[in-house]
Amino acid sequence: MSIPLRPVNGIKIILKREVYAIVGTAIEVLRALGHGIHEKPYEKALVVEFGLRNIPCQQQSRFNINYKEVKVGEYVPDLIVFGEIIVDTKVIDAISDHERGQMINYLRITGLPVGVILNFRYAKLQWERLVLTD
């Protein structure tokens, strides 16, 4: 479902329009709910707003965490949007290397190419896009 884009400086930005659609949706949710409440209401409001915008979204999908081909746990992402993007909702002081590292691990576990961290702590949405590369 990704939309091909022309390369920018020779680099193709994958899922660019989809990420902007996610960020626009998050801005609407933040505008409506306000900032600084718990993460779960933002996650649930995003699901509602994605539905209103006809953006495909799955909530709480399950992925096995394997070690040497043995299941040792599960990862349950907040949301998977457009079937290709992990969306992680946060209410934290700032997006740090800790959250970035977690997202990279989430991308490895799921095999999905792009992750978006959304931070609803402040009146202005903070967000980052991460891409798993070889």
N, C-alpha and C. Protein backbone atom coordinates (compact mmCIF):
# COMPACT_ATOMS: atom_id res chain seq x y z
N MET A 1 0.81 -1.19 0.00
CA MET A 1 0.00 0.00 0.00
C MET A 1 0.86 1.26 0.00
N SER A 2 2.18 1.13 0.02
CA SER A 2 3.02 2.31 0.03
C SER A 2 2.97 3.02 -1.33
N ILE A 3 3.17 4.31 -1.29
CA ILE A 3 3.09 5.13 -2.48
C ILE A 3 4.52 5.46 -2.90
N PRO A 4 4.93 5.04 -4.12
CA PRO A 4 6.30 5.32 -4.53
C PRO A 4 6.54 6.81 -4.68
N LEU A 5 7.69 7.25 -4.25
CA LEU A 5 8.07 8.66 -4.34
C LEU A 5 9.34 8.79 -5.15
N ARG A 6 9.55 9.96 -5.72
CA ARG A 6 10.80 10.22 -6.41
C ARG A 6 11.91 10.37 -5.38
N PRO A 7 13.11 9.94 -5.72
CA PRO A 7 14.23 10.07 -4.79
C PRO A 7 14.54 11.54 -4.47
N VAL A 8 14.97 11.79 -3.25
CA VAL A 8 15.43 13.10 -2.82
C VAL A 8 16.93 12.98 -2.62
N ASN A 9 17.71 13.76 -3.36
CA ASN A 9 19.17 13.66 -3.31
C ASN A 9 19.62 12.22 -3.53
N GLY A 10 18.94 11.51 -4.42
CA GLY A 10 19.31 10.14 -4.73
C GLY A 10 18.83 9.10 -3.73
N ILE A 11 18.12 9.53 -2.68
CA ILE A 11 17.65 8.61 -1.65
C ILE A 11 16.12 8.57 -1.70
N LYS A 12 15.57 7.37 -1.83
CA LYS A 12 14.13 7.21 -1.82
C LYS A 12 13.65 7.17 -0.37
N ILE A 13 12.71 8.02 -0.03
CA ILE A 13 12.14 8.05 1.32
C ILE A 13 10.91 7.16 1.30
N ILE A 14 11.02 6.00 1.98
CA ILE A 14 9.92 5.05 1.93
C ILE A 14 8.81 5.47 2.89
N LEU A 15 7.59 5.28 2.45
CA LEU A 15 6.38 5.51 3.25
C LEU A 15 6.27 6.94 3.76
N LYS A 16 6.78 7.88 3.01
CA LYS A 16 6.78 9.29 3.43
C LYS A 16 5.35 9.82 3.60
N ARG A 17 4.51 9.61 2.61
CA ARG A 17 3.14 10.13 2.69
C ARG A 17 2.36 9.46 3.82
N GLU A 18 2.62 8.17 4.01
CA GLU A 18 1.93 7.45 5.08
C GLU A 18 2.34 7.99 6.45
N VAL A 19 3.63 8.27 6.62
CA VAL A 19 4.09 8.82 7.90
C VAL A 19 3.47 10.20 8.13
N TYR A 20 3.39 11.02 7.10
CA TYR A 20 2.77 12.33 7.27
C TYR A 20 1.28 12.21 7.59
N ALA A 21 0.62 11.20 7.04
CA ALA A 21 -0.79 10.96 7.38
C ALA A 21 -0.92 10.57 8.85
N ILE A 22 0.01 9.77 9.34
CA ILE A 22 0.01 9.37 10.75
C ILE A 22 0.24 10.58 11.64
N VAL A 23 1.21 11.41 11.29
CA VAL A 23 1.51 12.60 12.10
C VAL A 23 0.33 13.57 12.08
N GLY A 24 -0.29 13.76 10.94
CA GLY A 24 -1.46 14.63 10.86
C GLY A 24 -2.60 14.13 11.74
N THR A 25 -2.77 12.82 11.75
CA THR A 25 -3.80 12.22 12.61
C THR A 25 -3.46 12.45 14.08
N ALA A 26 -2.19 12.27 14.44
CA ALA A 26 -1.76 12.47 15.82
C ALA A 26 -1.94 13.93 16.26
N ILE A 27 -1.68 14.86 15.36
CA ILE A 27 -1.88 16.28 15.67
C ILE A 27 -3.35 16.55 15.96
N GLU A 28 -4.25 15.96 15.20
CA GLU A 28 -5.68 16.13 15.45
C GLU A 28 -6.07 15.54 16.80
N VAL A 29 -5.55 14.36 17.13
CA VAL A 29 -5.84 13.74 18.43
C VAL A 29 -5.32 14.62 19.57
N LEU A 30 -4.11 15.13 19.43
CA LEU A 30 -3.54 16.01 20.46
C LEU A 30 -4.38 17.28 20.61
N ARG A 31 -4.80 17.84 19.49
CA ARG A 31 -5.63 19.06 19.53
C ARG A 31 -6.93 18.79 20.28
N ALA A 32 -7.52 17.63 20.03
CA ALA A 32 -8.83 17.31 20.63
C ALA A 32 -8.72 16.91 22.10
N LEU A 33 -7.72 16.11 22.45
CA LEU A 33 -7.61 15.61 23.83
C LEU A 33 -6.78 16.50 24.75
N GLY A 34 -5.90 17.29 24.17
CA GLY A 34 -4.96 18.04 25.00
C GLY A 34 -3.74 17.17 25.28
N HIS A 35 -2.77 17.76 25.97
CA HIS A 35 -1.50 17.06 26.16
C HIS A 35 -1.35 16.55 27.59
N GLY A 36 -0.49 15.54 27.74
CA GLY A 36 -0.04 15.11 29.05
C GLY A 36 -0.88 14.08 29.78
N ILE A 37 -1.93 13.51 29.15
CA ILE A 37 -2.65 12.44 29.83
C ILE A 37 -1.91 11.11 29.58
N HIS A 38 -2.45 10.01 30.01
CA HIS A 38 -1.77 8.72 29.86
C HIS A 38 -1.72 8.29 28.40
N GLU A 39 -0.82 7.35 28.09
CA GLU A 39 -0.60 6.90 26.72
C GLU A 39 -1.80 6.19 26.10
N LYS A 40 -2.48 5.35 26.86
CA LYS A 40 -3.55 4.51 26.31
C LYS A 40 -4.68 5.32 25.67
N PRO A 41 -5.17 6.41 26.30
CA PRO A 41 -6.22 7.19 25.62
C PRO A 41 -5.77 7.74 24.26
N TYR A 42 -4.51 8.13 24.13
CA TYR A 42 -4.01 8.60 22.84
C TYR A 42 -4.03 7.47 21.82
N GLU A 43 -3.58 6.29 22.25
CA GLU A 43 -3.59 5.13 21.36
C GLU A 43 -5.00 4.83 20.87
N LYS A 44 -5.95 4.80 21.80
CA LYS A 44 -7.33 4.50 21.44
C LYS A 44 -7.94 5.59 20.57
N ALA A 45 -7.62 6.85 20.85
CA ALA A 45 -8.12 7.96 20.03
C ALA A 45 -7.52 7.90 18.62
N LEU A 46 -6.25 7.50 18.51
CA LEU A 46 -5.65 7.34 17.19
C LEU A 46 -6.40 6.29 16.38
N VAL A 47 -6.77 5.18 17.02
CA VAL A 47 -7.52 4.13 16.33
C VAL A 47 -8.84 4.69 15.80
N VAL A 48 -9.52 5.47 16.62
CA VAL A 48 -10.79 6.09 16.19
C VAL A 48 -10.55 7.02 15.01
N GLU A 49 -9.56 7.88 15.13
CA GLU A 49 -9.30 8.87 14.07
C GLU A 49 -8.79 8.20 12.79
N PHE A 50 -7.95 7.17 12.92
CA PHE A 50 -7.54 6.43 11.71
C PHE A 50 -8.76 5.86 11.01
N GLY A 51 -9.69 5.31 11.78
CA GLY A 51 -10.92 4.78 11.19
C GLY A 51 -11.72 5.84 10.46
N LEU A 52 -11.84 7.02 11.06
CA LEU A 52 -12.56 8.12 10.42
C LEU A 52 -11.89 8.57 9.12
N ARG A 53 -10.57 8.41 9.06
CA ARG A 53 -9.81 8.81 7.88
C ARG A 53 -9.57 7.65 6.91
N ASN A 54 -10.19 6.52 7.18
CA ASN A 54 -10.01 5.33 6.33
C ASN A 54 -8.55 4.93 6.19
N ILE A 55 -7.81 5.05 7.28
CA ILE A 55 -6.41 4.62 7.32
C ILE A 55 -6.37 3.27 8.00
N PRO A 56 -5.86 2.23 7.32
CA PRO A 56 -5.84 0.90 7.93
C PRO A 56 -4.93 0.84 9.15
N CYS A 57 -5.45 0.23 10.21
CA CYS A 57 -4.74 0.20 11.49
C CYS A 57 -5.08 -1.09 12.23
N GLN A 58 -4.06 -1.69 12.83
CA GLN A 58 -4.24 -2.85 13.70
C GLN A 58 -3.73 -2.47 15.08
N GLN A 59 -4.47 -2.84 16.10
CA GLN A 59 -4.10 -2.53 17.47
C GLN A 59 -3.72 -3.82 18.19
N GLN A 60 -2.60 -3.77 18.92
CA GLN A 60 -2.16 -4.86 19.79
C GLN A 60 -1.95 -6.19 19.05
N SER A 61 -1.34 -6.15 17.87
CA SER A 61 -0.94 -7.38 17.18
C SER A 61 0.17 -8.04 17.98
N ARG A 62 0.36 -9.34 17.80
CA ARG A 62 1.37 -10.07 18.57
C ARG A 62 2.46 -10.62 17.65
N PHE A 63 3.71 -10.48 18.10
CA PHE A 63 4.85 -10.99 17.38
C PHE A 63 5.73 -11.78 18.33
N ASN A 64 6.18 -12.94 17.89
CA ASN A 64 7.06 -13.75 18.72
C ASN A 64 8.46 -13.15 18.78
N ILE A 65 9.07 -13.25 19.94
CA ILE A 65 10.49 -12.93 20.11
C ILE A 65 11.20 -14.28 20.20
N ASN A 66 12.09 -14.52 19.25
CA ASN A 66 12.78 -15.81 19.20
C ASN A 66 14.26 -15.65 19.51
N TYR A 67 14.79 -16.65 20.17
CA TYR A 67 16.22 -16.75 20.41
C TYR A 67 16.65 -18.11 19.90
N LYS A 68 17.51 -18.11 18.88
CA LYS A 68 17.97 -19.36 18.27
C LYS A 68 16.79 -20.27 17.94
N GLU A 69 15.80 -19.66 17.28
CA GLU A 69 14.61 -20.36 16.80
C GLU A 69 13.69 -20.87 17.89
N VAL A 70 13.87 -20.42 19.12
CA VAL A 70 12.99 -20.79 20.23
C VAL A 70 12.26 -19.54 20.70
N LYS A 71 10.93 -19.63 20.81
CA LYS A 71 10.15 -18.49 21.29
C LYS A 71 10.49 -18.24 22.76
N VAL A 72 10.93 -17.01 23.04
CA VAL A 72 11.27 -16.64 24.42
C VAL A 72 10.40 -15.50 24.94
N GLY A 73 9.51 -15.00 24.10
CA GLY A 73 8.63 -13.92 24.54
C GLY A 73 7.77 -13.43 23.41
N GLU A 74 7.06 -12.35 23.69
CA GLU A 74 6.19 -11.72 22.71
C GLU A 74 6.38 -10.21 22.74
N TYR A 75 6.23 -9.60 21.58
CA TYR A 75 6.19 -8.15 21.49
C TYR A 75 4.81 -7.77 20.97
N VAL A 76 4.17 -6.82 21.63
CA VAL A 76 2.84 -6.36 21.24
C VAL A 76 2.93 -4.85 20.98
N PRO A 77 3.06 -4.46 19.71
CA PRO A 77 3.15 -3.02 19.41
C PRO A 77 1.81 -2.33 19.66
N ASP A 78 1.89 -1.04 19.99
CA ASP A 78 0.66 -0.26 20.16
C ASP A 78 -0.19 -0.37 18.91
N LEU A 79 0.37 0.07 17.79
CA LEU A 79 -0.39 0.11 16.54
C LEU A 79 0.50 -0.25 15.36
N ILE A 80 -0.09 -0.88 14.36
CA ILE A 80 0.54 -1.04 13.07
C ILE A 80 -0.40 -0.37 12.07
N VAL A 81 0.14 0.61 11.35
CA VAL A 81 -0.67 1.44 10.47
C VAL A 81 -0.20 1.21 9.03
N PHE A 82 -1.15 1.18 8.12
CA PHE A 82 -0.90 0.90 6.71
C PHE A 82 -0.24 -0.47 6.53
N GLY A 83 -0.30 -1.33 7.52
CA GLY A 83 0.29 -2.66 7.44
C GLY A 83 1.80 -2.69 7.42
N GLU A 84 2.46 -1.51 7.56
CA GLU A 84 3.90 -1.44 7.39
C GLU A 84 4.62 -0.57 8.42
N ILE A 85 3.87 0.17 9.23
CA ILE A 85 4.50 1.16 10.11
C ILE A 85 4.08 0.89 11.55
N ILE A 86 5.07 0.71 12.43
CA ILE A 86 4.79 0.60 13.86
C ILE A 86 4.63 2.01 14.41
N VAL A 87 3.56 2.24 15.17
CA VAL A 87 3.35 3.52 15.83
C VAL A 87 3.37 3.27 17.33
N ASP A 88 4.26 3.98 18.00
CA ASP A 88 4.43 3.84 19.45
C ASP A 88 4.06 5.16 20.11
N THR A 89 3.03 5.14 20.95
CA THR A 89 2.59 6.35 21.64
C THR A 89 3.34 6.49 22.96
N LYS A 90 3.74 7.71 23.26
CA LYS A 90 4.49 8.01 24.48
C LYS A 90 3.97 9.30 25.11
N VAL A 91 4.16 9.40 26.43
CA VAL A 91 3.97 10.65 27.16
C VAL A 91 5.19 10.76 28.06
N ILE A 92 6.27 11.31 27.50
CA ILE A 92 7.57 11.35 28.17
C ILE A 92 8.18 12.74 28.01
N ASP A 93 9.24 13.02 28.78
CA ASP A 93 9.88 14.33 28.69
C ASP A 93 10.42 14.61 27.29
N ALA A 94 11.08 13.62 26.71
CA ALA A 94 11.64 13.79 25.36
C ALA A 94 11.91 12.41 24.77
N ILE A 95 11.85 12.32 23.46
CA ILE A 95 12.23 11.09 22.78
C ILE A 95 13.75 10.98 22.86
N SER A 96 14.22 9.88 23.41
CA SER A 96 15.66 9.73 23.62
C SER A 96 16.18 8.50 22.88
N ASP A 97 17.49 8.26 23.03
CA ASP A 97 18.09 7.07 22.43
C ASP A 97 17.46 5.79 22.96
N HIS A 98 16.95 5.82 24.17
CA HIS A 98 16.27 4.64 24.73
C HIS A 98 15.06 4.27 23.87
N GLU A 99 14.20 5.23 23.58
CA GLU A 99 13.01 4.97 22.76
C GLU A 99 13.41 4.61 21.32
N ARG A 100 14.44 5.28 20.81
CA ARG A 100 14.91 4.96 19.46
C ARG A 100 15.42 3.51 19.40
N GLY A 101 16.19 3.11 20.39
CA GLY A 101 16.69 1.74 20.45
C GLY A 101 15.58 0.73 20.55
N GLN A 102 14.59 1.03 21.37
CA GLN A 102 13.43 0.14 21.47
C GLN A 102 12.76 -0.02 20.12
N MET A 103 12.55 1.09 19.42
CA MET A 103 11.88 1.03 18.13
C MET A 103 12.68 0.21 17.12
N ILE A 104 13.99 0.38 17.10
CA ILE A 104 14.82 -0.42 16.19
C ILE A 104 14.64 -1.91 16.50
N ASN A 105 14.61 -2.27 17.78
CA ASN A 105 14.36 -3.67 18.16
C ASN A 105 12.98 -4.12 17.71
N TYR A 106 11.97 -3.26 17.85
CA TYR A 106 10.62 -3.59 17.42
C TYR A 106 10.58 -3.86 15.91
N LEU A 107 11.30 -3.03 15.16
CA LEU A 107 11.34 -3.21 13.71
C LEU A 107 12.02 -4.54 13.36
N ARG A 108 13.08 -4.87 14.07
CA ARG A 108 13.76 -6.16 13.83
C ARG A 108 12.83 -7.34 14.13
N ILE A 109 12.12 -7.26 15.25
CA ILE A 109 11.22 -8.35 15.65
C ILE A 109 10.11 -8.54 14.64
N THR A 110 9.50 -7.45 14.18
CA THR A 110 8.34 -7.53 13.30
C THR A 110 8.70 -7.69 11.83
N GLY A 111 9.90 -7.23 11.47
CA GLY A 111 10.28 -7.23 10.06
C GLY A 111 9.68 -6.07 9.28
N LEU A 112 9.04 -5.14 9.99
CA LEU A 112 8.45 -3.98 9.33
C LEU A 112 9.52 -2.92 9.08
N PRO A 113 9.36 -2.10 8.05
CA PRO A 113 10.44 -1.19 7.66
C PRO A 113 10.51 0.14 8.41
N VAL A 114 9.38 0.64 8.92
CA VAL A 114 9.34 2.00 9.46
C VAL A 114 8.63 2.01 10.80
N GLY A 115 9.16 2.83 11.72
CA GLY A 115 8.51 3.06 13.00
C GLY A 115 8.36 4.54 13.24
N VAL A 116 7.29 4.91 13.94
CA VAL A 116 7.04 6.32 14.29
C VAL A 116 6.78 6.37 15.79
N ILE A 117 7.54 7.22 16.46
CA ILE A 117 7.34 7.47 17.89
C ILE A 117 6.60 8.79 18.00
N LEU A 118 5.46 8.77 18.70
CA LEU A 118 4.66 9.98 18.92
C LEU A 118 4.67 10.31 20.40
N ASN A 119 5.07 11.53 20.74
CA ASN A 119 5.11 11.97 22.13
C ASN A 119 4.05 13.04 22.37
N PHE A 120 3.08 12.70 23.21
CA PHE A 120 1.94 13.58 23.49
C PHE A 120 2.09 14.37 24.78
N ARG A 121 3.29 14.50 25.30
CA ARG A 121 3.49 15.17 26.59
C ARG A 121 3.21 16.67 26.53
N TYR A 122 3.50 17.28 25.41
CA TYR A 122 3.43 18.74 25.31
C TYR A 122 2.35 19.18 24.31
N ALA A 123 2.04 20.47 24.33
CA ALA A 123 1.01 21.02 23.46
C ALA A 123 1.38 20.88 21.98
N LYS A 124 2.68 20.84 21.67
CA LYS A 124 3.14 20.61 20.31
C LYS A 124 3.62 19.16 20.22
N LEU A 125 3.07 18.41 19.28
CA LEU A 125 3.43 17.01 19.10
C LEU A 125 4.92 16.87 18.79
N GLN A 126 5.57 15.95 19.50
CA GLN A 126 6.94 15.56 19.17
C GLN A 126 6.85 14.20 18.48
N TRP A 127 7.59 14.02 17.41
CA TRP A 127 7.56 12.74 16.71
C TRP A 127 8.88 12.50 16.01
N GLU A 128 9.16 11.20 15.84
CA GLU A 128 10.34 10.78 15.09
C GLU A 128 9.99 9.58 14.25
N ARG A 129 10.59 9.53 13.09
CA ARG A 129 10.45 8.42 12.15
C ARG A 129 11.76 7.67 12.13
N LEU A 130 11.69 6.35 12.28
CA LEU A 130 12.90 5.52 12.22
C LEU A 130 12.71 4.46 11.14
N VAL A 131 13.81 4.16 10.46
CA VAL A 131 13.77 3.20 9.37
C VAL A 131 14.83 2.14 9.64
N LEU A 132 14.45 0.89 9.51
CA LEU A 132 15.40 -0.21 9.65
C LEU A 132 16.08 -0.43 8.32
N THR A 133 17.39 -0.32 8.32
CA THR A 133 18.17 -0.52 7.09
C THR A 133 19.13 -1.67 7.30
N ASP A 134 19.68 -2.15 6.21
CA ASP A 134 20.62 -3.27 6.28
C ASP A 134 21.92 -2.88 6.93
